[in-house]
């Protein structure tokens, strides 16, 4: 196969997979719902929206937890596939390339702030993708895997496991809380506040216990 054709196929392959998934949405969902879900997926790709915001919004809009969870998890997996196939090319993409350069240049400082990534390798990548840490997701996890010297296949497997576990847990939790809000508003709002407070508290403890990061 000609190198140019091979390069083009590697570049477009993740987009083809994503396009096929969007096509399935429009085939099996009402047009307005498929369009809305596609919009949520697009919002996840554009910072600063993350799974911790997109998934609860999707549940509140009436999407089943497994559907919105699968849709968002797929984006992390596709990002990981793109990086595995096109790492060198990604450097040339405006904005993304600059972010990757900064990430890799400060790689050791990044890992020193997250010692569990070096300590647990595969499990560390799973946890990194599962929870909405700053810079987490398919692209960030791919870069961490490269810094750790992990094979691409192992990184992709860790990304897939972390993406599905994280998205399903958040989506299930959001569906439970939203159900409470609809049936018992005061209790549901109280539970939501407690969960939000616990998440913020855990994040603050995490930031305090970790070395000061230069990112």
C-alpha atoms as a PDB file:
ATOM      1  CA  UNK A   1       0.000   0.000   0.000  1.00  0.00           C
ATOM      2  CA  UNK A   2       1.290   3.455  -0.864  1.00  0.00           C
ATOM      3  CA  UNK A   3       2.567   5.301   2.256  1.00  0.00           C
ATOM      4  CA  UNK A   4       0.313   8.297   1.600  1.00  0.00           C
ATOM      5  CA  UNK A   5      -2.774   6.084   1.376  1.00  0.00           C
ATOM      6  CA  UNK A   6      -1.733   4.218   4.518  1.00  0.00           C
ATOM      7  CA  UNK A   7      -1.263   7.518   6.358  1.00  0.00           C
ATOM      8  CA  UNK A   8      -4.673   8.764   5.217  1.00  0.00           C
ATOM      9  CA  UNK A   9      -6.384   5.533   6.288  1.00  0.00           C
ATOM     10  CA  UNK A  10      -4.777   5.650   9.716  1.00  0.00           C
ATOM     11  CA  UNK A  11      -5.929   9.241  10.128  1.00  0.00           C
ATOM     12  CA  UNK A  12      -9.547   8.750   9.074  1.00  0.00           C
ATOM     13  CA  UNK A  13     -10.127   5.317  10.647  1.00  0.00           C
ATOM     14  CA  UNK A  14     -11.265   6.635  14.087  1.00  0.00           C
ATOM     15  CA  UNK A  15     -13.504   9.193  12.357  1.00  0.00           C
ATOM     16  CA  UNK A  16     -15.085   6.441  10.259  1.00  0.00           C
ATOM     17  CA  UNK A  17     -15.865   4.457  13.408  1.00  0.00           C
ATOM     18  CA  UNK A  18     -17.342   7.536  15.039  1.00  0.00           C
ATOM     19  CA  UNK A  19     -19.364   8.329  11.925  1.00  0.00           C
ATOM     20  CA  UNK A  20     -20.779   4.797  11.841  1.00  0.00           C
ATOM     21  CA  UNK A  21     -21.873   5.130  15.460  1.00  0.00           C
ATOM     22  CA  UNK A  22     -23.591   8.457  14.725  1.00  0.00           C
ATOM     23  CA  UNK A  23     -25.292   6.806  11.747  1.00  0.00           C
ATOM     24  CA  UNK A  24     -26.616   4.061  14.039  1.00  0.00           C
ATOM     25  CA  UNK A  25     -28.015   6.703  16.364  1.00  0.00           C
ATOM     26  CA  UNK A  26     -29.972   8.288  13.521  1.00  0.00           C
ATOM     27  CA  UNK A  27     -31.184   4.887  12.350  1.00  0.00           C
ATOM     28  CA  UNK A  28     -32.504   3.739  15.722  1.00  0.00           C
ATOM     29  CA  UNK A  29     -33.464   6.980  17.491  1.00  0.00           C
ATOM     30  CA  UNK A  30     -35.938   9.698  16.529  1.00  0.00           C
ATOM     31  CA  UNK A  31     -34.180  12.381  14.496  1.00  0.00           C
ATOM     32  CA  UNK A  32     -34.395  15.048  17.219  1.00  0.00           C
ATOM     33  CA  UNK A  33     -33.035  12.676  19.891  1.00  0.00           C
ATOM     34  CA  UNK A  34     -30.188  11.493  17.684  1.00  0.00           C
ATOM     35  CA  UNK A  35     -29.311  15.109  16.885  1.00  0.00           C
ATOM     36  CA  UNK A  36     -29.356  16.035  20.572  1.00  0.00           C
ATOM     37  CA  UNK A  37     -27.187  13.073  21.573  1.00  0.00           C
ATOM     38  CA  UNK A  38     -24.737  13.880  18.781  1.00  0.00           C
ATOM     39  CA  UNK A  39     -24.581  17.435  20.126  1.00  0.00           C
ATOM     40  CA  UNK A  40     -23.755  16.167  23.624  1.00  0.00           C
ATOM     41  CA  UNK A  41     -20.974  14.029  22.181  1.00  0.00           C
ATOM     42  CA  UNK A  42     -19.634  17.067  20.340  1.00  0.00           C
ATOM     43  CA  UNK A  43     -19.767  19.129  23.534  1.00  0.00           C
ATOM     44  CA  UNK A  44     -17.677  16.481  25.300  1.00  0.00           C
ATOM     45  CA  UNK A  45     -14.954  16.806  22.686  1.00  0.00           C
ATOM     46  CA  UNK A  46     -14.692  20.584  23.204  1.00  0.00           C
ATOM     47  CA  UNK A  47     -13.165  21.650  26.559  1.00  0.00           C
ATOM     48  CA  UNK A  48     -13.998  22.405  29.298  1.00  0.00           C
ATOM     49  CA  UNK A  49     -16.993  20.028  29.273  1.00  0.00           C
ATOM     50  CA  UNK A  50     -16.204  16.634  30.789  1.00  0.00           C
ATOM     51  CA  UNK A  51     -17.975  13.376  31.568  1.00  0.00           C
ATOM     52  CA  UNK A  52     -18.900  14.709  35.007  1.00  0.00           C
ATOM     53  CA  UNK A  53     -21.099  17.353  33.332  1.00  0.00           C
ATOM     54  CA  UNK A  54     -22.159  15.803  29.998  1.00  0.00           C
ATOM     55  CA  UNK A  55     -23.364  12.518  31.499  1.00  0.00           C
ATOM     56  CA  UNK A  56     -25.724  14.047  34.106  1.00  0.00           C
ATOM     57  CA  UNK A  57     -27.037  16.456  31.471  1.00  0.00           C
ATOM     58  CA  UNK A  58     -27.703  13.544  29.129  1.00  0.00           C
ATOM     59  CA  UNK A  59     -29.562  11.629  31.841  1.00  0.00           C
ATOM     60  CA  UNK A  60     -31.594  14.729  32.747  1.00  0.00           C
ATOM     61  CA  UNK A  61     -32.549  15.062  29.072  1.00  0.00           C
ATOM     62  CA  UNK A  62     -34.038  11.569  29.192  1.00  0.00           C
ATOM     63  CA  UNK A  63     -31.331   9.382  27.629  1.00  0.00           C
ATOM     64  CA  UNK A  64     -30.897   5.928  29.222  1.00  0.00           C
ATOM     65  CA  UNK A  65     -27.761   5.715  31.372  1.00  0.00           C
ATOM     66  CA  UNK A  66     -26.271   2.958  29.223  1.00  0.00           C
ATOM     67  CA  UNK A  67     -26.769   4.915  25.986  1.00  0.00           C
ATOM     68  CA  UNK A  68     -25.270   8.209  27.113  1.00  0.00           C
ATOM     69  CA  UNK A  69     -22.538   6.269  28.954  1.00  0.00           C
ATOM     70  CA  UNK A  70     -21.621   4.229  25.892  1.00  0.00           C
ATOM     71  CA  UNK A  71     -21.676   7.298  23.643  1.00  0.00           C
ATOM     72  CA  UNK A  72     -19.237   9.264  25.803  1.00  0.00           C
ATOM     73  CA  UNK A  73     -17.005   6.257  26.542  1.00  0.00           C
ATOM     74  CA  UNK A  74     -16.707   5.635  22.813  1.00  0.00           C
ATOM     75  CA  UNK A  75     -15.195   9.100  22.329  1.00  0.00           C
ATOM     76  CA  UNK A  76     -12.389   8.358  24.803  1.00  0.00           C
ATOM     77  CA  UNK A  77     -11.707   5.060  23.031  1.00  0.00           C
ATOM     78  CA  UNK A  78     -11.683   6.696  19.587  1.00  0.00           C
ATOM     79  CA  UNK A  79      -9.296   9.362  20.883  1.00  0.00           C
ATOM     80  CA  UNK A  80      -7.004   6.607  22.139  1.00  0.00           C
ATOM     81  CA  UNK A  81      -7.146   4.827  18.778  1.00  0.00           C
ATOM     82  CA  UNK A  82      -6.364   8.081  16.970  1.00  0.00           C
ATOM     83  CA  UNK A  83      -3.313   8.713  19.156  1.00  0.00           C
ATOM     84  CA  UNK A  84      -2.103   5.114  18.802  1.00  0.00           C
ATOM     85  CA  UNK A  85      -2.262   5.355  14.997  1.00  0.00           C
ATOM     86  CA  UNK A  86      -1.256   8.983  14.495  1.00  0.00           C
ATOM     87  CA  UNK A  87       0.948  10.093  17.389  1.00  0.00           C
ATOM     88  CA  UNK A  88       3.564  11.821  15.239  1.00  0.00           C
ATOM     89  CA  UNK A  89       0.939  13.395  12.996  1.00  0.00           C
ATOM     90  CA  UNK A  90      -0.963  14.740  16.014  1.00  0.00           C
ATOM     91  CA  UNK A  91       1.977  17.056  16.716  1.00  0.00           C
ATOM     92  CA  UNK A  92       1.185  18.912  13.489  1.00  0.00           C
ATOM     93  CA  UNK A  93      -2.459  19.573  14.330  1.00  0.00           C
ATOM     94  CA  UNK A  94      -2.963  23.183  15.513  1.00  0.00           C
ATOM     95  CA  UNK A  95      -3.764  23.565  19.233  1.00  0.00           C
ATOM     96  CA  UNK A  96      -3.657  19.792  19.816  1.00  0.00           C
ATOM     97  CA  UNK A  97      -0.019  19.623  18.797  1.00  0.00           C
ATOM     98  CA  UNK A  98       0.915  22.509  21.093  1.00  0.00           C
ATOM     99  CA  UNK A  99      -0.950  20.875  23.992  1.00  0.00           C
ATOM    100  CA  UNK A 100       0.768  17.525  23.363  1.00  0.00           C
ATOM    101  CA  UNK A 101       4.175  19.235  23.252  1.00  0.00           C
ATOM    102  CA  UNK A 102       3.582  20.928  26.600  1.00  0.00           C
ATOM    103  CA  UNK A 103       2.252  17.689  28.085  1.00  0.00           C
ATOM    104  CA  UNK A 104       5.275  15.669  26.965  1.00  0.00           C
ATOM    105  CA  UNK A 105       7.778  18.403  27.892  1.00  0.00           C
ATOM    106  CA  UNK A 106       6.416  18.440  31.445  1.00  0.00           C
ATOM    107  CA  UNK A 107       5.865  14.683  31.526  1.00  0.00           C
ATOM    108  CA  UNK A 108       8.030  13.885  34.530  1.00  0.00           C
ATOM    109  CA  UNK A 109       6.510  16.716  36.541  1.00  0.00           C
ATOM    110  CA  UNK A 110       3.052  15.453  35.561  1.00  0.00           C
ATOM    111  CA  UNK A 111       3.857  11.922  36.743  1.00  0.00           C
ATOM    112  CA  UNK A 112       5.480  13.159  39.945  1.00  0.00           C
ATOM    113  CA  UNK A 113       2.144  14.774  40.824  1.00  0.00           C
ATOM    114  CA  UNK A 114       0.378  11.453  40.217  1.00  0.00           C
ATOM    115  CA  UNK A 115       2.692   8.769  41.670  1.00  0.00           C
ATOM    116  CA  UNK A 116      -0.067   6.159  41.495  1.00  0.00           C
ATOM    117  CA  UNK A 117       0.215   6.250  37.692  1.00  0.00           C
ATOM    118  CA  UNK A 118       3.818   5.050  37.851  1.00  0.00           C
ATOM    119  CA  UNK A 119       3.119   2.644  40.685  1.00  0.00           C
ATOM    120  CA  UNK A 120       0.208   0.803  39.100  1.00  0.00           C
ATOM    121  CA  UNK A 121       0.790   1.322  35.335  1.00  0.00           C
ATOM    122  CA  UNK A 122      -2.182  -0.444  33.711  1.00  0.00           C
ATOM    123  CA  UNK A 123      -4.541   0.081  36.666  1.00  0.00           C
ATOM    124  CA  UNK A 124      -3.313   3.653  36.943  1.00  0.00           C
ATOM    125  CA  UNK A 125      -4.340   4.366  33.336  1.00  0.00           C
ATOM    126  CA  UNK A 126      -7.754   2.786  34.004  1.00  0.00           C
ATOM    127  CA  UNK A 127      -8.269   5.041  37.036  1.00  0.00           C
ATOM    128  CA  UNK A 128      -6.952   8.059  35.138  1.00  0.00           C
ATOM    129  CA  UNK A 129      -9.630   7.605  32.470  1.00  0.00           C
ATOM    130  CA  UNK A 130     -12.388   6.556  34.901  1.00  0.00           C
ATOM    131  CA  UNK A 131     -12.394   9.697  36.971  1.00  0.00           C
ATOM    132  CA  UNK A 132     -12.529  13.272  35.643  1.00  0.00           C
ATOM    133  CA  UNK A 133      -8.988  14.306  36.525  1.00  0.00           C
ATOM    134  CA  UNK A 134      -7.575  17.331  34.758  1.00  0.00           C
ATOM    135  CA  UNK A 135      -6.240  16.209  31.382  1.00  0.00           C
ATOM    136  CA  UNK A 136      -7.802  12.752  31.645  1.00  0.00           C
ATOM    137  CA  UNK A 137      -9.479  11.056  28.710  1.00  0.00           C
ATOM    138  CA  UNK A 138      -8.317   9.145  25.668  1.00  0.00           C
ATOM    139  CA  UNK A 139      -5.670  11.621  24.513  1.00  0.00           C
ATOM    140  CA  UNK A 140      -4.249  12.317  27.953  1.00  0.00           C
ATOM    141  CA  UNK A 141      -4.177   8.613  28.826  1.00  0.00           C
ATOM    142  CA  UNK A 142      -2.392   7.812  25.563  1.00  0.00           C
ATOM    143  CA  UNK A 143       0.309  10.338  26.418  1.00  0.00           C
ATOM    144  CA  UNK A 144       0.647   8.998  29.965  1.00  0.00           C
ATOM    145  CA  UNK A 145       0.955   5.468  28.576  1.00  0.00           C
ATOM    146  CA  UNK A 146       3.731   6.628  26.248  1.00  0.00           C
ATOM    147  CA  UNK A 147       5.527   8.326  29.142  1.00  0.00           C
ATOM    148  CA  UNK A 148       5.296   5.076  31.111  1.00  0.00           C
ATOM    149  CA  UNK A 149       6.595   3.056  28.160  1.00  0.00           C
ATOM    150  CA  UNK A 150       3.472   0.915  27.869  1.00  0.00           C
ATOM    151  CA  UNK A 151       2.596  -0.917  24.605  1.00  0.00           C
ATOM    152  CA  UNK A 152      -0.158   0.783  22.583  1.00  0.00           C
ATOM    153  CA  UNK A 153      -2.466  -2.235  22.869  1.00  0.00           C
ATOM    154  CA  UNK A 154      -2.229  -2.230  26.656  1.00  0.00           C
ATOM    155  CA  UNK A 155      -2.921   1.514  26.757  1.00  0.00           C
ATOM    156  CA  UNK A 156      -5.976   1.116  24.494  1.00  0.00           C
ATOM    157  CA  UNK A 157      -7.328  -1.726  26.623  1.00  0.00           C
ATOM    158  CA  UNK A 158      -6.860   0.349  29.785  1.00  0.00           C
ATOM    159  CA  UNK A 159      -8.572   3.317  28.130  1.00  0.00           C
ATOM    160  CA  UNK A 160     -11.545   1.150  27.083  1.00  0.00           C
ATOM    161  CA  UNK A 161     -11.965  -0.357  30.556  1.00  0.00           C
ATOM    162  CA  UNK A 162     -11.611   2.998  32.297  1.00  0.00           C
ATOM    163  CA  UNK A 163     -13.915   4.784  29.851  1.00  0.00           C
ATOM    164  CA  UNK A 164     -16.773   2.304  30.195  1.00  0.00           C
ATOM    165  CA  UNK A 165     -16.452   1.886  33.968  1.00  0.00           C
ATOM    166  CA  UNK A 166     -16.209   5.623  34.591  1.00  0.00           C
ATOM    167  CA  UNK A 167     -19.013   6.624  32.242  1.00  0.00           C
ATOM    168  CA  UNK A 168     -21.367   3.895  33.414  1.00  0.00           C
ATOM    169  CA  UNK A 169     -20.774   4.677  37.097  1.00  0.00           C
ATOM    170  CA  UNK A 170     -21.363   8.402  36.632  1.00  0.00           C
ATOM    171  CA  UNK A 171     -24.382   7.850  34.373  1.00  0.00           C
ATOM    172  CA  UNK A 172     -25.948   5.323  36.754  1.00  0.00           C
ATOM    173  CA  UNK A 173     -25.405   7.652  39.687  1.00  0.00           C
ATOM    174  CA  UNK A 174     -26.888  10.551  37.745  1.00  0.00           C
ATOM    175  CA  UNK A 175     -29.952   8.482  36.806  1.00  0.00           C
ATOM    176  CA  UNK A 176     -30.511   7.483  40.433  1.00  0.00           C
ATOM    177  CA  UNK A 177     -30.205  11.066  41.691  1.00  0.00           C
ATOM    178  CA  UNK A 178     -32.387  12.432  38.888  1.00  0.00           C
ATOM    179  CA  UNK A 179     -35.051   9.838  39.695  1.00  0.00           C
ATOM    180  CA  UNK A 180     -34.985  10.972  43.328  1.00  0.00           C
ATOM    181  CA  UNK A 181     -35.301  14.618  42.306  1.00  0.00           C
ATOM    182  CA  UNK A 182     -38.371  13.820  40.192  1.00  0.00           C
ATOM    183  CA  UNK A 183     -40.075  11.689  42.836  1.00  0.00           C
ATOM    184  CA  UNK A 184     -38.858  13.408  46.031  1.00  0.00           C
ATOM    185  CA  UNK A 185     -37.390  16.802  45.120  1.00  0.00           C
ATOM    186  CA  UNK A 186     -36.024  17.787  48.541  1.00  0.00           C
ATOM    187  CA  UNK A 187     -34.399  14.403  49.140  1.00  0.00           C
ATOM    188  CA  UNK A 188     -33.016  14.273  45.612  1.00  0.00           C
ATOM    189  CA  UNK A 189     -31.520  17.762  45.826  1.00  0.00           C
ATOM    190  CA  UNK A 190     -30.055  16.905  49.224  1.00  0.00           C
ATOM    191  CA  UNK A 191     -28.429  13.748  47.882  1.00  0.00           C
ATOM    192  CA  UNK A 192     -27.079  15.689  44.899  1.00  0.00           C
ATOM    193  CA  UNK A 193     -25.554  18.303  47.206  1.00  0.00           C
ATOM    194  CA  UNK A 194     -23.970  15.622  49.402  1.00  0.00           C
ATOM    195  CA  UNK A 195     -22.462  13.841  46.383  1.00  0.00           C
ATOM    196  CA  UNK A 196     -21.187  17.101  44.903  1.00  0.00           C
ATOM    197  CA  UNK A 197     -19.680  18.091  48.243  1.00  0.00           C
ATOM    198  CA  UNK A 198     -17.991  14.695  48.596  1.00  0.00           C
ATOM    199  CA  UNK A 199     -16.514  14.936  45.107  1.00  0.00           C
ATOM    200  CA  UNK A 200     -15.225  18.459  45.698  1.00  0.00           C
ATOM    201  CA  UNK A 201     -13.836  17.437  49.093  1.00  0.00           C
ATOM    202  CA  UNK A 202     -12.058  14.398  47.631  1.00  0.00           C
ATOM    203  CA  UNK A 203     -10.586  16.556  44.875  1.00  0.00           C
ATOM    204  CA  UNK A 204      -9.310  19.150  47.365  1.00  0.00           C
ATOM    205  CA  UNK A 205      -7.743  16.425  49.524  1.00  0.00           C
ATOM    206  CA  UNK A 206      -6.147  14.919  46.416  1.00  0.00           C
ATOM    207  CA  UNK A 207      -4.702  18.286  45.386  1.00  0.00           C
ATOM    208  CA  UNK A 208      -3.418  18.971  48.891  1.00  0.00           C
ATOM    209  CA  UNK A 209      -1.683  15.621  49.304  1.00  0.00           C
ATOM    210  CA  UNK A 210      -0.076  15.646  45.866  1.00  0.00           C
ATOM    211  CA  UNK A 211       3.131  17.616  45.180  1.00  0.00           C
ATOM    212  CA  UNK A 212       2.606  21.050  43.694  1.00  0.00           C
ATOM    213  CA  UNK A 213       2.223  20.577  39.940  1.00  0.00           C
ATOM    214  CA  UNK A 214       3.533  22.707  37.160  1.00  0.00           C
ATOM    215  CA  UNK A 215       1.157  22.075  34.226  1.00  0.00           C
END
